[in-house]
């Protein structure tokens, strides 16, 4: 069953690395409210994937980024009480900071650089942990 959704929503996310650190944001809105993940969001009509990624990162953290290679694609399907509440197709890219310092804005409540060795101390989304393992950035 679903809650009136007609189609999955395409979304982008940026895996921004600095040495052995990753930029994490604490989600201030659904889906994944309160969990730590990477900046990103829905693609707007007329935007390319790269444009959407740059806009989302700028809106959530104030950073300007350079978009790197594709990190992977996955489904994020959130069910509650037997109904599908959200279905996003997440398109993850690696990215690097071009300018700025991260400051939480729009739909994130916090953002910070976190050592990849300490990521297990955070309530991180499963999809992010899977992606980091897939690329050998954290252990299994």
C-alpha atoms as a PDB file:
ATOM      1  CA  UNK A   1       0.000   0.000   0.000  1.00  0.00           C
ATOM      2  CA  UNK A   2       1.029   3.589  -0.438  1.00  0.00           C
ATOM      3  CA  UNK A   3      -0.068   6.961   0.849  1.00  0.00           C
ATOM      4  CA  UNK A   4      -1.060   8.586  -2.446  1.00  0.00           C
ATOM      5  CA  UNK A   5       2.409   8.580  -3.994  1.00  0.00           C
ATOM      6  CA  UNK A   6       2.369   8.169  -7.741  1.00  0.00           C
ATOM      7  CA  UNK A   7       6.058   7.889  -8.600  1.00  0.00           C
ATOM      8  CA  UNK A   8       9.433   7.765  -6.845  1.00  0.00           C
ATOM      9  CA  UNK A   9      11.111  11.146  -6.360  1.00  0.00           C
ATOM     10  CA  UNK A  10      14.601  11.574  -7.832  1.00  0.00           C
ATOM     11  CA  UNK A  11      17.051  13.097  -5.356  1.00  0.00           C
ATOM     12  CA  UNK A  12      20.775  13.816  -5.157  1.00  0.00           C
ATOM     13  CA  UNK A  13      23.230  13.709  -2.251  1.00  0.00           C
ATOM     14  CA  UNK A  14      26.846  14.815  -1.844  1.00  0.00           C
ATOM     15  CA  UNK A  15      29.512  12.722  -0.146  1.00  0.00           C
ATOM     16  CA  UNK A  16      31.925  15.515   0.738  1.00  0.00           C
ATOM     17  CA  UNK A  17      35.268  14.263   2.014  1.00  0.00           C
ATOM     18  CA  UNK A  18      38.192  16.161   3.540  1.00  0.00           C
ATOM     19  CA  UNK A  19      41.168  13.968   4.389  1.00  0.00           C
ATOM     20  CA  UNK A  20      39.570  11.169   6.506  1.00  0.00           C
ATOM     21  CA  UNK A  21      36.522  13.267   7.411  1.00  0.00           C
ATOM     22  CA  UNK A  22      33.039  13.433   5.921  1.00  0.00           C
ATOM     23  CA  UNK A  23      30.562  16.298   6.127  1.00  0.00           C
ATOM     24  CA  UNK A  24      27.432  15.103   7.928  1.00  0.00           C
ATOM     25  CA  UNK A  25      24.137  16.927   8.348  1.00  0.00           C
ATOM     26  CA  UNK A  26      21.420  16.126  10.868  1.00  0.00           C
ATOM     27  CA  UNK A  27      18.116  15.863   9.027  1.00  0.00           C
ATOM     28  CA  UNK A  28      15.611  18.456  10.215  1.00  0.00           C
ATOM     29  CA  UNK A  29      12.770  17.091   8.072  1.00  0.00           C
ATOM     30  CA  UNK A  30      11.399  13.775   6.825  1.00  0.00           C
ATOM     31  CA  UNK A  31      12.440  11.365   5.586  1.00  0.00           C
ATOM     32  CA  UNK A  32      15.073  10.361   8.153  1.00  0.00           C
ATOM     33  CA  UNK A  33      14.195  13.185  10.564  1.00  0.00           C
ATOM     34  CA  UNK A  34      16.863  13.395  13.282  1.00  0.00           C
ATOM     35  CA  UNK A  35      19.311  11.063  11.562  1.00  0.00           C
ATOM     36  CA  UNK A  36      22.743  12.035  10.331  1.00  0.00           C
ATOM     37  CA  UNK A  37      23.418  11.821   6.604  1.00  0.00           C
ATOM     38  CA  UNK A  38      24.979  13.842   3.810  1.00  0.00           C
ATOM     39  CA  UNK A  39      23.522  17.016   2.291  1.00  0.00           C
ATOM     40  CA  UNK A  40      21.084  16.596  -0.559  1.00  0.00           C
ATOM     41  CA  UNK A  41      17.498  16.666  -1.670  1.00  0.00           C
ATOM     42  CA  UNK A  42      15.006  16.541  -4.493  1.00  0.00           C
ATOM     43  CA  UNK A  43      15.774  17.584  -8.037  1.00  0.00           C
ATOM     44  CA  UNK A  44      13.637  20.462  -9.291  1.00  0.00           C
ATOM     45  CA  UNK A  45      12.102  20.598 -12.764  1.00  0.00           C
ATOM     46  CA  UNK A  46      14.651  21.860 -15.295  1.00  0.00           C
ATOM     47  CA  UNK A  47      17.692  21.199 -13.098  1.00  0.00           C
ATOM     48  CA  UNK A  48      20.513  18.934 -14.090  1.00  0.00           C
ATOM     49  CA  UNK A  49      21.780  16.493 -11.465  1.00  0.00           C
ATOM     50  CA  UNK A  50      24.866  18.672 -10.921  1.00  0.00           C
ATOM     51  CA  UNK A  51      22.826  21.878 -10.588  1.00  0.00           C
ATOM     52  CA  UNK A  52      20.482  20.224  -8.085  1.00  0.00           C
ATOM     53  CA  UNK A  53      23.384  18.889  -6.040  1.00  0.00           C
ATOM     54  CA  UNK A  54      25.123  22.275  -5.889  1.00  0.00           C
ATOM     55  CA  UNK A  55      21.860  24.010  -4.922  1.00  0.00           C
ATOM     56  CA  UNK A  56      20.959  21.493  -2.215  1.00  0.00           C
ATOM     57  CA  UNK A  57      24.431  21.630  -0.637  1.00  0.00           C
ATOM     58  CA  UNK A  58      24.403  25.450  -0.759  1.00  0.00           C
ATOM     59  CA  UNK A  59      20.902  25.596   0.794  1.00  0.00           C
ATOM     60  CA  UNK A  60      21.688  23.121   3.578  1.00  0.00           C
ATOM     61  CA  UNK A  61      25.272  24.072   4.438  1.00  0.00           C
ATOM     62  CA  UNK A  62      26.231  27.325   2.690  1.00  0.00           C
ATOM     63  CA  UNK A  63      29.077  25.560   0.877  1.00  0.00           C
ATOM     64  CA  UNK A  64      29.979  25.867  -2.781  1.00  0.00           C
ATOM     65  CA  UNK A  65      31.124  22.510  -4.128  1.00  0.00           C
ATOM     66  CA  UNK A  66      32.794  20.875  -7.091  1.00  0.00           C
ATOM     67  CA  UNK A  67      30.869  17.765  -8.125  1.00  0.00           C
ATOM     68  CA  UNK A  68      32.963  14.650  -8.627  1.00  0.00           C
ATOM     69  CA  UNK A  69      32.217  11.156  -9.843  1.00  0.00           C
ATOM     70  CA  UNK A  70      29.042   9.191  -9.313  1.00  0.00           C
ATOM     71  CA  UNK A  71      29.183   7.247  -6.029  1.00  0.00           C
ATOM     72  CA  UNK A  72      26.067   5.149  -6.647  1.00  0.00           C
ATOM     73  CA  UNK A  73      22.296   4.960  -6.922  1.00  0.00           C
ATOM     74  CA  UNK A  74      19.820   3.359  -4.517  1.00  0.00           C
ATOM     75  CA  UNK A  75      16.196   3.386  -3.415  1.00  0.00           C
ATOM     76  CA  UNK A  76      15.080   4.928  -0.138  1.00  0.00           C
ATOM     77  CA  UNK A  77      11.653   3.513   0.652  1.00  0.00           C
ATOM     78  CA  UNK A  78      10.154   4.470   4.015  1.00  0.00           C
ATOM     79  CA  UNK A  79       7.147   2.489   5.244  1.00  0.00           C
ATOM     80  CA  UNK A  80       5.077   3.299   8.314  1.00  0.00           C
ATOM     81  CA  UNK A  81       2.036   1.388   9.486  1.00  0.00           C
ATOM     82  CA  UNK A  82       2.188  -0.752   6.357  1.00  0.00           C
ATOM     83  CA  UNK A  83       2.098   2.200   3.960  1.00  0.00           C
ATOM     84  CA  UNK A  84       4.848   3.639   1.788  1.00  0.00           C
ATOM     85  CA  UNK A  85       5.370   7.204   3.051  1.00  0.00           C
ATOM     86  CA  UNK A  86       8.402   8.117   0.924  1.00  0.00           C
ATOM     87  CA  UNK A  87      10.146   6.644  -2.097  1.00  0.00           C
ATOM     88  CA  UNK A  88      13.263   8.456  -3.274  1.00  0.00           C
ATOM     89  CA  UNK A  89      15.765   7.334  -5.866  1.00  0.00           C
ATOM     90  CA  UNK A  90      19.018   8.592  -4.327  1.00  0.00           C
ATOM     91  CA  UNK A  91      21.800   9.526  -6.725  1.00  0.00           C
ATOM     92  CA  UNK A  92      24.994   9.981  -4.690  1.00  0.00           C
ATOM     93  CA  UNK A  93      28.034  11.878  -5.925  1.00  0.00           C
ATOM     94  CA  UNK A  94      31.415  12.511  -4.421  1.00  0.00           C
ATOM     95  CA  UNK A  95      32.112  16.238  -4.065  1.00  0.00           C
ATOM     96  CA  UNK A  96      34.751  18.614  -2.747  1.00  0.00           C
ATOM     97  CA  UNK A  97      34.404  21.994  -1.071  1.00  0.00           C
ATOM     98  CA  UNK A  98      35.175  24.866  -3.420  1.00  0.00           C
ATOM     99  CA  UNK A  99      34.515  27.613  -0.860  1.00  0.00           C
ATOM    100  CA  UNK A 100      32.839  28.396   2.432  1.00  0.00           C
ATOM    101  CA  UNK A 101      32.486  26.903   5.892  1.00  0.00           C
ATOM    102  CA  UNK A 102      29.563  24.594   6.718  1.00  0.00           C
ATOM    103  CA  UNK A 103      26.647  26.187   8.586  1.00  0.00           C
ATOM    104  CA  UNK A 104      23.327  24.379   9.105  1.00  0.00           C
ATOM    105  CA  UNK A 105      20.433  25.931   7.193  1.00  0.00           C
ATOM    106  CA  UNK A 106      17.045  25.090   5.584  1.00  0.00           C
ATOM    107  CA  UNK A 107      16.037  21.512   6.459  1.00  0.00           C
ATOM    108  CA  UNK A 108      19.065  20.459   8.508  1.00  0.00           C
ATOM    109  CA  UNK A 109      19.494  21.188  12.203  1.00  0.00           C
ATOM    110  CA  UNK A 110      23.270  20.620  12.446  1.00  0.00           C
ATOM    111  CA  UNK A 111      26.259  20.005  10.214  1.00  0.00           C
ATOM    112  CA  UNK A 112      29.795  18.995  11.087  1.00  0.00           C
ATOM    113  CA  UNK A 113      32.938  17.303   9.857  1.00  0.00           C
ATOM    114  CA  UNK A 114      33.168  13.787  11.289  1.00  0.00           C
ATOM    115  CA  UNK A 115      36.084  11.389  11.152  1.00  0.00           C
ATOM    116  CA  UNK A 116      35.235   8.306   9.104  1.00  0.00           C
ATOM    117  CA  UNK A 117      36.712   6.301  11.998  1.00  0.00           C
ATOM    118  CA  UNK A 118      34.067   7.789  14.366  1.00  0.00           C
ATOM    119  CA  UNK A 119      31.015   7.628  12.112  1.00  0.00           C
ATOM    120  CA  UNK A 120      29.612   4.662  14.071  1.00  0.00           C
ATOM    121  CA  UNK A 121      29.041   7.039  17.022  1.00  0.00           C
ATOM    122  CA  UNK A 122      26.371   8.852  14.992  1.00  0.00           C
ATOM    123  CA  UNK A 123      22.834   7.752  14.149  1.00  0.00           C
ATOM    124  CA  UNK A 124      23.648   7.636  10.438  1.00  0.00           C
ATOM    125  CA  UNK A 125      21.266   6.509   7.696  1.00  0.00           C
ATOM    126  CA  UNK A 126      21.726   2.923   6.544  1.00  0.00           C
ATOM    127  CA  UNK A 127      22.012   3.990   2.915  1.00  0.00           C
ATOM    128  CA  UNK A 128      25.005   6.216   3.712  1.00  0.00           C
ATOM    129  CA  UNK A 129      26.776   3.487   5.681  1.00  0.00           C
ATOM    130  CA  UNK A 130      26.171   1.041   2.816  1.00  0.00           C
ATOM    131  CA  UNK A 131      27.621   3.527   0.304  1.00  0.00           C
ATOM    132  CA  UNK A 132      30.730   4.204   2.419  1.00  0.00           C
ATOM    133  CA  UNK A 133      31.343   0.456   2.840  1.00  0.00           C
ATOM    134  CA  UNK A 134      30.833  -0.102  -0.879  1.00  0.00           C
ATOM    135  CA  UNK A 135      33.691   2.327  -1.603  1.00  0.00           C
ATOM    136  CA  UNK A 136      35.971   0.960   1.126  1.00  0.00           C
ATOM    137  CA  UNK A 137      35.806   4.151   3.182  1.00  0.00           C
ATOM    138  CA  UNK A 138      34.659   2.363   6.346  1.00  0.00           C
ATOM    139  CA  UNK A 139      34.858  -1.233   7.551  1.00  0.00           C
ATOM    140  CA  UNK A 140      32.106  -3.782   7.250  1.00  0.00           C
END
